[in-house]
PDB file of all heavy atoms in Angstrom:
ATOM      1  N   GLN A   1       9.225   2.512 -10.693  1.00  0.00           N
ATOM      2  CA  GLN A   1       8.041   1.990 -11.357  1.00  0.00           C
ATOM      3  C   GLN A   1       7.092   3.140 -11.666  1.00  0.00           C
ATOM      4  O   GLN A   1       7.184   4.209 -11.064  1.00  0.00           O
ATOM      5  CB  GLN A   1       7.355   0.936 -10.485  1.00  0.00           C
ATOM      6  CG  GLN A   1       7.015   1.381  -9.090  1.00  0.00           C
ATOM      7  CD  GLN A   1       6.696   0.216  -8.166  1.00  0.00           C
ATOM      8  OE1 GLN A   1       7.439  -0.071  -7.246  1.00  0.00           O
ATOM      9  NE2 GLN A   1       5.583  -0.462  -8.403  1.00  0.00           N
ATOM     10  N   PRO A   2       6.186   2.927 -12.619  1.00  0.00           N
ATOM     11  CA  PRO A   2       5.286   4.010 -13.042  1.00  0.00           C
ATOM     12  C   PRO A   2       4.327   4.437 -11.937  1.00  0.00           C
ATOM     13  O   PRO A   2       4.146   3.745 -10.933  1.00  0.00           O
ATOM     14  CB  PRO A   2       4.536   3.386 -14.226  1.00  0.00           C
ATOM     15  CG  PRO A   2       5.363   2.230 -14.664  1.00  0.00           C
ATOM     16  CD  PRO A   2       6.043   1.721 -13.439  1.00  0.00           C
ATOM     17  N   ALA A   3       3.701   5.568 -12.161  1.00  0.00           N
ATOM     18  CA  ALA A   3       2.699   6.085 -11.224  1.00  0.00           C
ATOM     19  C   ALA A   3       1.590   5.058 -11.027  1.00  0.00           C
ATOM     20  O   ALA A   3       1.082   4.470 -11.984  1.00  0.00           O
ATOM     21  CB  ALA A   3       2.114   7.390 -11.763  1.00  0.00           C
ATOM     22  N   THR A   4       1.210   4.875  -9.767  1.00  0.00           N
ATOM     23  CA  THR A   4       0.162   3.912  -9.454  1.00  0.00           C
ATOM     24  C   THR A   4      -0.172   4.000  -7.972  1.00  0.00           C
ATOM     25  O   THR A   4       0.476   4.712  -7.210  1.00  0.00           O
ATOM     26  CB  THR A   4       0.601   2.479  -9.814  1.00  0.00           C
ATOM     27  OG1 THR A   4      -0.531   1.611  -9.774  1.00  0.00           O
ATOM     28  CG2 THR A   4       1.680   1.968  -8.872  1.00  0.00           C
ATOM     29  N   LEU A   5      -1.201   3.255  -7.576  1.00  0.00           N
ATOM     30  CA  LEU A   5      -1.548   3.099  -6.172  1.00  0.00           C
ATOM     31  C   LEU A   5      -1.043   1.747  -5.677  1.00  0.00           C
ATOM     32  O   LEU A   5      -1.508   0.699  -6.130  1.00  0.00           O
ATOM     33  CB  LEU A   5      -3.059   3.190  -5.959  1.00  0.00           C
ATOM     34  CG  LEU A   5      -3.558   2.836  -4.543  1.00  0.00           C
ATOM     35  CD1 LEU A   5      -3.047   3.829  -3.510  1.00  0.00           C
ATOM     36  CD2 LEU A   5      -5.084   2.766  -4.499  1.00  0.00           C
ATOM     37  N   LEU A   6      -0.080   1.772  -4.763  1.00  0.00           N
ATOM     38  CA  LEU A   6       0.328   0.585  -4.021  1.00  0.00           C
ATOM     39  C   LEU A   6      -0.311   0.663  -2.633  1.00  0.00           C
ATOM     40  O   LEU A   6      -1.037   1.601  -2.327  1.00  0.00           O
ATOM     41  CB  LEU A   6       1.855   0.532  -3.903  1.00  0.00           C
ATOM     42  CG  LEU A   6       2.674   0.724  -5.191  1.00  0.00           C
ATOM     43  CD1 LEU A   6       4.170   0.660  -4.876  1.00  0.00           C
ATOM     44  CD2 LEU A   6       2.300  -0.308  -6.236  1.00  0.00           C
ATOM     45  N   TRP A   7      -0.028  -0.305  -1.797  1.00  0.00           N
ATOM     46  CA  TRP A   7      -0.439  -0.188  -0.401  1.00  0.00           C
ATOM     47  C   TRP A   7       0.517  -0.978   0.464  1.00  0.00           C
ATOM     48  O   TRP A   7       1.167  -1.908  -0.002  1.00  0.00           O
ATOM     49  CB  TRP A   7      -1.892  -0.598  -0.180  1.00  0.00           C
ATOM     50  CG  TRP A   7      -2.300  -2.002  -0.532  1.00  0.00           C
ATOM     51  CD1 TRP A   7      -2.108  -2.673  -1.697  1.00  0.00           C
ATOM     52  CD2 TRP A   7      -3.042  -2.921   0.302  1.00  0.00           C
ATOM     53  NE1 TRP A   7      -2.661  -3.923  -1.662  1.00  0.00           N
ATOM     54  CE2 TRP A   7      -3.242  -4.105  -0.442  1.00  0.00           C
ATOM     55  CE3 TRP A   7      -3.551  -2.848   1.581  1.00  0.00           C
ATOM     56  CZ2 TRP A   7      -3.935  -5.214   0.058  1.00  0.00           C
ATOM     57  CZ3 TRP A   7      -4.252  -3.950   2.089  1.00  0.00           C
ATOM     58  CH2 TRP A   7      -4.427  -5.104   1.329  1.00  0.00           C
ATOM     59  N   TYR A   8       0.651  -0.529   1.701  1.00  0.00           N
ATOM     60  CA  TYR A   8       1.498  -1.269   2.622  1.00  0.00           C
ATOM     61  C   TYR A   8       0.628  -1.865   3.726  1.00  0.00           C
ATOM     62  O   TYR A   8      -0.318  -1.247   4.204  1.00  0.00           O
ATOM     63  CB  TYR A   8       2.633  -0.410   3.180  1.00  0.00           C
ATOM     64  CG  TYR A   8       2.286   0.853   3.922  1.00  0.00           C
ATOM     65  CD1 TYR A   8       2.237   0.876   5.322  1.00  0.00           C
ATOM     66  CD2 TYR A   8       2.055   2.055   3.254  1.00  0.00           C
ATOM     67  CE1 TYR A   8       1.950   2.037   6.016  1.00  0.00           C
ATOM     68  CE2 TYR A   8       1.768   3.226   3.945  1.00  0.00           C
ATOM     69  CZ  TYR A   8       1.716   3.221   5.326  1.00  0.00           C
ATOM     70  OH  TYR A   8       1.443   4.371   6.018  1.00  0.00           O
ATOM     71  N   HIS A   9       0.958  -3.090   4.085  1.00  0.00           N
ATOM     72  CA  HIS A   9       0.180  -3.793   5.105  1.00  0.00           C
ATOM     73  C   HIS A   9       1.078  -4.800   5.793  1.00  0.00           C
ATOM     74  O   HIS A   9       2.149  -5.158   5.301  1.00  0.00           O
ATOM     75  CB  HIS A   9      -1.043  -4.482   4.489  1.00  0.00           C
ATOM     76  CG  HIS A   9      -0.723  -5.554   3.483  1.00  0.00           C
ATOM     77  ND1 HIS A   9      -0.304  -6.814   3.838  1.00  0.00           N
ATOM     78  CD2 HIS A   9      -0.764  -5.557   2.128  1.00  0.00           C
ATOM     79  CE1 HIS A   9      -0.112  -7.545   2.743  1.00  0.00           C
ATOM     80  NE2 HIS A   9      -0.369  -6.801   1.693  1.00  0.00           N
ATOM     81  N   ASP A  10       0.627  -5.274   6.930  1.00  0.00           N
ATOM     82  CA  ASP A  10       1.440  -6.233   7.670  1.00  0.00           C
ATOM     83  C   ASP A  10       1.402  -7.606   6.998  1.00  0.00           C
ATOM     84  O   ASP A  10       0.393  -8.001   6.400  1.00  0.00           O
ATOM     85  CB  ASP A  10       0.966  -6.346   9.110  1.00  0.00           C
ATOM     86  CG  ASP A  10       1.988  -7.082   9.956  1.00  0.00           C
ATOM     87  OD1 ASP A  10       3.056  -6.499  10.226  1.00  0.00           O
ATOM     88  OD2 ASP A  10       1.742  -8.253  10.314  1.00  0.00           O
ATOM     89  N   HIS A  11       2.541  -8.314   7.129  1.00  0.00           N
ATOM     90  CA  HIS A  11       2.696  -9.605   6.446  1.00  0.00           C
ATOM     91  C   HIS A  11       3.374 -10.619   7.362  1.00  0.00           C
ATOM     92  O   HIS A  11       4.049 -11.541   6.900  1.00  0.00           O
ATOM     93  CB  HIS A  11       3.538  -9.400   5.182  1.00  0.00           C
ATOM     94  CG  HIS A  11       3.201 -10.327   4.051  1.00  0.00           C
ATOM     95  ND1 HIS A  11       3.070 -11.681   4.198  1.00  0.00           N
ATOM     96  CD2 HIS A  11       2.980 -10.077   2.732  1.00  0.00           C
ATOM     97  CE1 HIS A  11       2.786 -12.231   3.016  1.00  0.00           C
ATOM     98  NE2 HIS A  11       2.721 -11.278   2.116  1.00  0.00           N
ATOM     99  N   ALA A  12       3.241 -10.462   8.691  1.00  0.00           N
ATOM    100  CA  ALA A  12       3.972 -11.305   9.631  1.00  0.00           C
ATOM    101  C   ALA A  12       3.488 -12.755   9.596  1.00  0.00           C
ATOM    102  O   ALA A  12       2.293 -13.027   9.436  1.00  0.00           O
ATOM    103  CB  ALA A  12       3.846 -10.747  11.046  1.00  0.00           C
ATOM    104  N   MET A  13       4.430 -13.653   9.770  1.00  0.00           N
ATOM    105  CA  MET A  13       4.141 -15.085   9.783  1.00  0.00           C
ATOM    106  C   MET A  13       3.016 -15.409  10.766  1.00  0.00           C
ATOM    107  O   MET A  13       3.077 -15.072  11.951  1.00  0.00           O
ATOM    108  CB  MET A  13       5.413 -15.845  10.194  1.00  0.00           C
ATOM    109  CG  MET A  13       5.222 -17.318  10.440  1.00  0.00           C
ATOM    110  SD  MET A  13       4.933 -18.233   8.907  1.00  0.00           S
ATOM    111  CE  MET A  13       6.570 -18.168   8.193  1.00  0.00           C
ATOM    112  N   GLY A  14       1.971 -16.044  10.251  1.00  0.00           N
ATOM    113  CA  GLY A  14       0.873 -16.494  11.096  1.00  0.00           C
ATOM    114  C   GLY A  14      -0.004 -15.396  11.651  1.00  0.00           C
ATOM    115  O   GLY A  14      -0.901 -15.671  12.463  1.00  0.00           O
ATOM    116  N   ALA A  15       0.236 -14.134  11.250  1.00  0.00           N
ATOM    117  CA  ALA A  15      -0.568 -13.026  11.784  1.00  0.00           C
ATOM    118  C   ALA A  15      -1.134 -12.147  10.694  1.00  0.00           C
ATOM    119  O   ALA A  15      -1.748 -11.125  10.990  1.00  0.00           O
ATOM    120  CB  ALA A  15       0.286 -12.180  12.737  1.00  0.00           C
ATOM    121  N   THR A  16      -0.961 -12.528   9.420  1.00  0.00           N
ATOM    122  CA  THR A  16      -1.450 -11.689   8.322  1.00  0.00           C
ATOM    123  C   THR A  16      -2.971 -11.627   8.302  1.00  0.00           C
ATOM    124  O   THR A  16      -3.549 -10.645   7.835  1.00  0.00           O
ATOM    125  CB  THR A  16      -0.903 -12.200   6.979  1.00  0.00           C
ATOM    126  OG1 THR A  16       0.524 -12.254   7.049  1.00  0.00           O
ATOM    127  CG2 THR A  16      -1.297 -11.291   5.841  1.00  0.00           C
ATOM    128  N   ARG A  17      -3.637 -12.664   8.802  1.00  0.00           N
ATOM    129  CA  ARG A  17      -5.106 -12.603   8.826  1.00  0.00           C
ATOM    130  C   ARG A  17      -5.606 -11.759   9.996  1.00  0.00           C
ATOM    131  O   ARG A  17      -6.782 -11.380  10.023  1.00  0.00           O
ATOM    132  CB  ARG A  17      -5.699 -14.012   8.888  1.00  0.00           C
ATOM    133  CG  ARG A  17      -5.455 -14.783  10.172  1.00  0.00           C
ATOM    134  CD  ARG A  17      -5.814 -16.257   9.980  1.00  0.00           C
ATOM    135  NE  ARG A  17      -5.769 -17.053  11.203  1.00  0.00           N
ATOM    136  CZ  ARG A  17      -4.657 -17.528  11.758  1.00  0.00           C
ATOM    137  NH1 ARG A  17      -3.479 -17.255  11.231  1.00  0.00           N
ATOM    138  NH2 ARG A  17      -4.721 -18.274  12.860  1.00  0.00           N
ATOM    139  N   PHE A  18      -4.746 -11.455  10.958  1.00  0.00           N
ATOM    140  CA  PHE A  18      -5.137 -10.661  12.124  1.00  0.00           C
ATOM    141  C   PHE A  18      -4.712  -9.202  12.027  1.00  0.00           C
ATOM    142  O   PHE A  18      -5.519  -8.291  12.241  1.00  0.00           O
ATOM    143  CB  PHE A  18      -4.532 -11.262  13.396  1.00  0.00           C
ATOM    144  CG  PHE A  18      -4.976 -12.656  13.708  1.00  0.00           C
ATOM    145  CD1 PHE A  18      -4.080 -13.585  14.217  1.00  0.00           C
ATOM    146  CD2 PHE A  18      -6.290 -13.058  13.519  1.00  0.00           C
ATOM    147  CE1 PHE A  18      -4.487 -14.879  14.527  1.00  0.00           C
ATOM    148  CE2 PHE A  18      -6.713 -14.344  13.812  1.00  0.00           C
ATOM    149  CZ  PHE A  18      -5.793 -15.262  14.325  1.00  0.00           C
ATOM    150  N   ASN A  19      -3.437  -8.950  11.730  1.00  0.00           N
ATOM    151  CA  ASN A  19      -2.900  -7.591  11.856  1.00  0.00           C
ATOM    152  C   ASN A  19      -3.538  -6.585  10.888  1.00  0.00           C
ATOM    153  O   ASN A  19      -3.904  -5.482  11.308  1.00  0.00           O
ATOM    154  CB  ASN A  19      -1.381  -7.609  11.712  1.00  0.00           C
ATOM    155  CG  ASN A  19      -0.704  -8.325  12.882  1.00  0.00           C
ATOM    156  OD1 ASN A  19      -1.372  -8.797  13.804  1.00  0.00           O
ATOM    157  ND2 ASN A  19       0.613  -8.429  12.855  1.00  0.00           N
ATOM    158  N   PRO A  20      -3.695  -6.896   9.596  1.00  0.00           N
ATOM    159  CA  PRO A  20      -4.414  -5.945   8.733  1.00  0.00           C
ATOM    160  C   PRO A  20      -5.884  -5.788   9.136  1.00  0.00           C
ATOM    161  O   PRO A  20      -6.451  -4.698   9.002  1.00  0.00           O
ATOM    162  CB  PRO A  20      -4.273  -6.558   7.340  1.00  0.00           C
ATOM    163  CG  PRO A  20      -3.020  -7.378   7.410  1.00  0.00           C
ATOM    164  CD  PRO A  20      -3.047  -7.953   8.799  1.00  0.00           C
ATOM    165  N   TYR A  21      -6.503  -6.863   9.627  1.00  0.00           N
ATOM    166  CA  TYR A  21      -7.892  -6.764  10.090  1.00  0.00           C
ATOM    167  C   TYR A  21      -7.998  -5.760  11.239  1.00  0.00           C
ATOM    168  O   TYR A  21      -8.972  -5.003  11.355  1.00  0.00           O
ATOM    169  CB  TYR A  21      -8.379  -8.140  10.537  1.00  0.00           C
ATOM    170  CG  TYR A  21      -9.837  -8.189  10.940  1.00  0.00           C
ATOM    171  CD1 TYR A  21     -10.844  -8.064   9.985  1.00  0.00           C
ATOM    172  CD2 TYR A  21     -10.222  -8.379  12.263  1.00  0.00           C
ATOM    173  CE1 TYR A  21     -12.184  -8.117  10.342  1.00  0.00           C
ATOM    174  CE2 TYR A  21     -11.560  -8.442  12.633  1.00  0.00           C
ATOM    175  CZ  TYR A  21     -12.544  -8.312  11.667  1.00  0.00           C
ATOM    176  OH  TYR A  21     -13.874  -8.368  12.028  1.00  0.00           O
ATOM    177  N   LEU A  22      -6.958  -5.728  12.079  1.00  0.00           N
ATOM    178  CA  LEU A  22      -6.928  -4.779  13.188  1.00  0.00           C
ATOM    179  C   LEU A  22      -6.586  -3.364  12.741  1.00  0.00           C
ATOM    180  O   LEU A  22      -6.733  -2.419  13.520  1.00  0.00           O
ATOM    181  CB  LEU A  22      -5.926  -5.242  14.247  1.00  0.00           C
ATOM    182  CG  LEU A  22      -6.335  -6.464  15.076  1.00  0.00           C
ATOM    183  CD1 LEU A  22      -5.165  -6.951  15.924  1.00  0.00           C
ATOM    184  CD2 LEU A  22      -7.536  -6.152  15.959  1.00  0.00           C
ATOM    185  N   GLY A  23      -6.065  -3.211  11.500  1.00  0.00           N
ATOM    186  CA  GLY A  23      -5.834  -1.862  10.990  1.00  0.00           C
ATOM    187  C   GLY A  23      -4.478  -1.582  10.398  1.00  0.00           C
ATOM    188  O   GLY A  23      -4.220  -0.454   9.961  1.00  0.00           O
ATOM    189  N   LEU A  24      -3.572  -2.566  10.364  1.00  0.00           N
ATOM    190  CA  LEU A  24      -2.235  -2.322   9.825  1.00  0.00           C
ATOM    191  C   LEU A  24      -2.258  -2.418   8.304  1.00  0.00           C
ATOM    192  O   LEU A  24      -1.823  -3.395   7.693  1.00  0.00           O
ATOM    193  CB  LEU A  24      -1.228  -3.304  10.430  1.00  0.00           C
ATOM    194  CG  LEU A  24      -0.862  -3.020  11.894  1.00  0.00           C
ATOM    195  CD1 LEU A  24       0.045  -4.116  12.440  1.00  0.00           C
ATOM    196  CD2 LEU A  24      -0.200  -1.655  12.040  1.00  0.00           C
ATOM    197  N   ALA A  25      -2.781  -1.352   7.692  1.00  0.00           N
ATOM    198  CA  ALA A  25      -2.842  -1.240   6.229  1.00  0.00           C
ATOM    199  C   ALA A  25      -2.990   0.232   5.877  1.00  0.00           C
ATOM    200  O   ALA A  25      -3.631   0.992   6.623  1.00  0.00           O
ATOM    201  CB  ALA A  25      -4.016  -2.039   5.663  1.00  0.00           C
ATOM    202  N   ALA A  26      -2.384   0.650   4.764  1.00  0.00           N
ATOM    203  CA  ALA A  26      -2.457   2.058   4.356  1.00  0.00           C
ATOM    204  C   ALA A  26      -2.031   2.171   2.899  1.00  0.00           C
ATOM    205  O   ALA A  26      -1.427   1.254   2.324  1.00  0.00           O
ATOM    206  CB  ALA A  26      -1.580   2.934   5.250  1.00  0.00           C
ATOM    207  N   ALA A  27      -2.311   3.318   2.304  1.00  0.00           N
ATOM    208  CA  ALA A  27      -2.053   3.545   0.876  1.00  0.00           C
ATOM    209  C   ALA A  27      -0.665   4.138   0.650  1.00  0.00           C
ATOM    210  O   ALA A  27      -0.094   4.817   1.509  1.00  0.00           O
ATOM    211  CB  ALA A  27      -3.116   4.467   0.293  1.00  0.00           C
ATOM    212  N   TYR A  28      -0.153   3.886  -0.580  1.00  0.00           N
ATOM    213  CA  TYR A  28       1.163   4.378  -1.007  1.00  0.00           C
ATOM    214  C   TYR A  28       1.013   4.774  -2.471  1.00  0.00           C
ATOM    215  O   TYR A  28       0.854   3.925  -3.345  1.00  0.00           O
ATOM    216  CB  TYR A  28       2.184   3.259  -0.830  1.00  0.00           C
ATOM    217  CG  TYR A  28       3.642   3.624  -1.062  1.00  0.00           C
ATOM    218  CD1 TYR A  28       4.536   3.666   0.006  1.00  0.00           C
ATOM    219  CD2 TYR A  28       4.153   3.856  -2.331  1.00  0.00           C
ATOM    220  CE1 TYR A  28       5.887   3.946  -0.182  1.00  0.00           C
ATOM    221  CE2 TYR A  28       5.491   4.145  -2.538  1.00  0.00           C
ATOM    222  CZ  TYR A  28       6.361   4.179  -1.457  1.00  0.00           C
ATOM    223  OH  TYR A  28       7.702   4.452  -1.647  1.00  0.00           O
ATOM    224  N   LEU A  29       1.028   6.070  -2.740  1.00  0.00           N
ATOM    225  CA  LEU A  29       0.801   6.590  -4.090  1.00  0.00           C
ATOM    226  C   LEU A  29       2.118   6.999  -4.730  1.00  0.00           C
ATOM    227  O   LEU A  29       2.938   7.669  -4.112  1.00  0.00           O
ATOM    228  CB  LEU A  29      -0.112   7.813  -4.039  1.00  0.00           C
ATOM    229  CG  LEU A  29      -1.616   7.609  -4.170  1.00  0.00           C
ATOM    230  CD1 LEU A  29      -2.342   8.906  -3.845  1.00  0.00           C
ATOM    231  CD2 LEU A  29      -1.991   7.143  -5.569  1.00  0.00           C
ATOM    232  N   ILE A  30       2.303   6.603  -5.984  1.00  0.00           N
ATOM    233  CA  ILE A  30       3.459   7.042  -6.766  1.00  0.00           C
ATOM    234  C   ILE A  30       2.948   7.882  -7.932  1.00  0.00           C
ATOM    235  O   ILE A  30       1.990   7.502  -8.621  1.00  0.00           O
ATOM    236  CB  ILE A  30       4.269   5.847  -7.310  1.00  0.00           C
ATOM    237  CG1 ILE A  30       4.769   4.965  -6.161  1.00  0.00           C
ATOM    238  CG2 ILE A  30       5.463   6.338  -8.138  1.00  0.00           C
ATOM    239  CD1 ILE A  30       5.508   3.725  -6.633  1.00  0.00           C
ATOM    240  N   PHE A  31       3.590   9.038  -8.145  1.00  0.00           N
ATOM    241  CA  PHE A  31       3.317   9.864  -9.320  1.00  0.00           C
ATOM    242  C   PHE A  31       4.585   9.960 -10.173  1.00  0.00           C
ATOM    243  O   PHE A  31       5.696   9.674  -9.708  1.00  0.00           O
ATOM    244  CB  PHE A  31       2.851  11.257  -8.907  1.00  0.00           C
ATOM    245  CG  PHE A  31       1.515  11.261  -8.210  1.00  0.00           C
ATOM    246  CD1 PHE A  31       1.390  11.674  -6.888  1.00  0.00           C
ATOM    247  CD2 PHE A  31       0.374  10.842  -8.876  1.00  0.00           C
ATOM    248  CE1 PHE A  31       0.165  11.675  -6.236  1.00  0.00           C
ATOM    249  CE2 PHE A  31      -0.862  10.840  -8.239  1.00  0.00           C
ATOM    250  CZ  PHE A  31      -0.965  11.260  -6.926  1.00  0.00           C
ATOM    251  N   ASP A  32       4.408  10.352 -11.431  1.00  0.00           N
ATOM    252  CA  ASP A  32       5.553  10.499 -12.331  1.00  0.00           C
ATOM    253  C   ASP A  32       5.247  11.587 -13.356  1.00  0.00           C
ATOM    254  O   ASP A  32       4.265  12.333 -13.219  1.00  0.00           O
ATOM    255  CB  ASP A  32       5.919   9.168 -13.001  1.00  0.00           C
ATOM    256  CG  ASP A  32       4.793   8.575 -13.849  1.00  0.00           C
ATOM    257  OD1 ASP A  32       3.817   9.315 -14.150  1.00  0.00           O
ATOM    258  OD2 ASP A  32       4.879   7.395 -14.224  1.00  0.00           O
ATOM    259  N   LYS A  33       6.068  11.691 -14.392  1.00  0.00           N
ATOM    260  CA  LYS A  33       5.880  12.741 -15.388  1.00  0.00           C
ATOM    261  C   LYS A  33       4.672  12.492 -16.282  1.00  0.00           C
ATOM    262  O   LYS A  33       4.143  13.426 -16.890  1.00  0.00           O
ATOM    263  CB  LYS A  33       7.146  12.876 -16.236  1.00  0.00           C
ATOM    264  CG  LYS A  33       8.354  13.400 -15.457  1.00  0.00           C
ATOM    265  CD  LYS A  33       9.588  13.500 -16.341  1.00  0.00           C
ATOM    266  CE  LYS A  33      10.776  14.022 -15.544  1.00  0.00           C
ATOM    267  NZ  LYS A  33      12.012  14.099 -16.373  1.00  0.00           N
ATOM    268  N   VAL A  34       4.239  11.251 -16.380  1.00  0.00           N
ATOM    269  CA  VAL A  34       3.046  10.941 -17.174  1.00  0.00           C
ATOM    270  C   VAL A  34       1.786  11.231 -16.371  1.00  0.00           C
ATOM    271  O   VAL A  34       0.875  11.920 -16.835  1.00  0.00           O
ATOM    272  CB  VAL A  34       3.075   9.469 -17.640  1.00  0.00           C
ATOM    273  CG1 VAL A  34       1.768   9.115 -18.360  1.00  0.00           C
ATOM    274  CG2 VAL A  34       4.265   9.220 -18.551  1.00  0.00           C
ATOM    275  N   ASP A  35       1.728  10.695 -15.165  1.00  0.00           N
ATOM    276  CA  ASP A  35       0.598  10.932 -14.265  1.00  0.00           C
ATOM    277  C   ASP A  35       1.125  11.721 -13.068  1.00  0.00           C
ATOM    278  O   ASP A  35       1.707  11.171 -12.136  1.00  0.00           O
ATOM    279  CB  ASP A  35       0.002   9.602 -13.813  1.00  0.00           C
ATOM    280  CG  ASP A  35      -1.193   9.773 -12.878  1.00  0.00           C
ATOM    281  OD1 ASP A  35      -1.563  10.933 -12.579  1.00  0.00           O
ATOM    282  OD2 ASP A  35      -1.754   8.743 -12.442  1.00  0.00           O
ATOM    283  N   THR A  36       0.927  13.024 -13.107  1.00  0.00           N
ATOM    284  CA  THR A  36       1.458  13.906 -12.075  1.00  0.00           C
ATOM    285  C   THR A  36       0.557  14.019 -10.854  1.00  0.00           C
ATOM    286  O   THR A  36       0.930  14.631  -9.856  1.00  0.00           O
ATOM    287  CB  THR A  36       1.679  15.317 -12.642  1.00  0.00           C
ATOM    288  OG1 THR A  36       0.395  15.868 -13.001  1.00  0.00           O
ATOM    289  CG2 THR A  36       2.589  15.287 -13.870  1.00  0.00           C
ATOM    290  N   GLY A  37      -0.625  13.446 -10.960  1.00  0.00           N
ATOM    291  CA  GLY A  37      -1.624  13.616  -9.907  1.00  0.00           C
ATOM    292  C   GLY A  37      -2.625  14.703 -10.227  1.00  0.00           C
ATOM    293  O   GLY A  37      -3.741  14.699  -9.706  1.00  0.00           O
ATOM    294  N   THR A  38      -2.239  15.630 -11.095  1.00  0.00           N
ATOM    295  CA  THR A  38      -3.165  16.663 -11.560  1.00  0.00           C
ATOM    296  C   THR A  38      -3.466  16.528 -13.045  1.00  0.00           C
ATOM    297  O   THR A  38      -4.475  17.043 -13.522  1.00  0.00           O
ATOM    298  CB  THR A  38      -2.593  18.067 -11.296  1.00  0.00           C
ATOM    299  OG1 THR A  38      -1.344  18.205 -11.979  1.00  0.00           O
ATOM    300  CG2 THR A  38      -2.381  18.289  -9.806  1.00  0.00           C
TER     301      THR A  38
END
């Protein structure tokens, strides 16, 4: 997929409202030939 900002976070059954609130979330950056980051 093209360059963009995704993110990863917890998605467990019945705990999605708790686990990311506690901190289980972070960024995932993709770069490509169009958007190299620079």
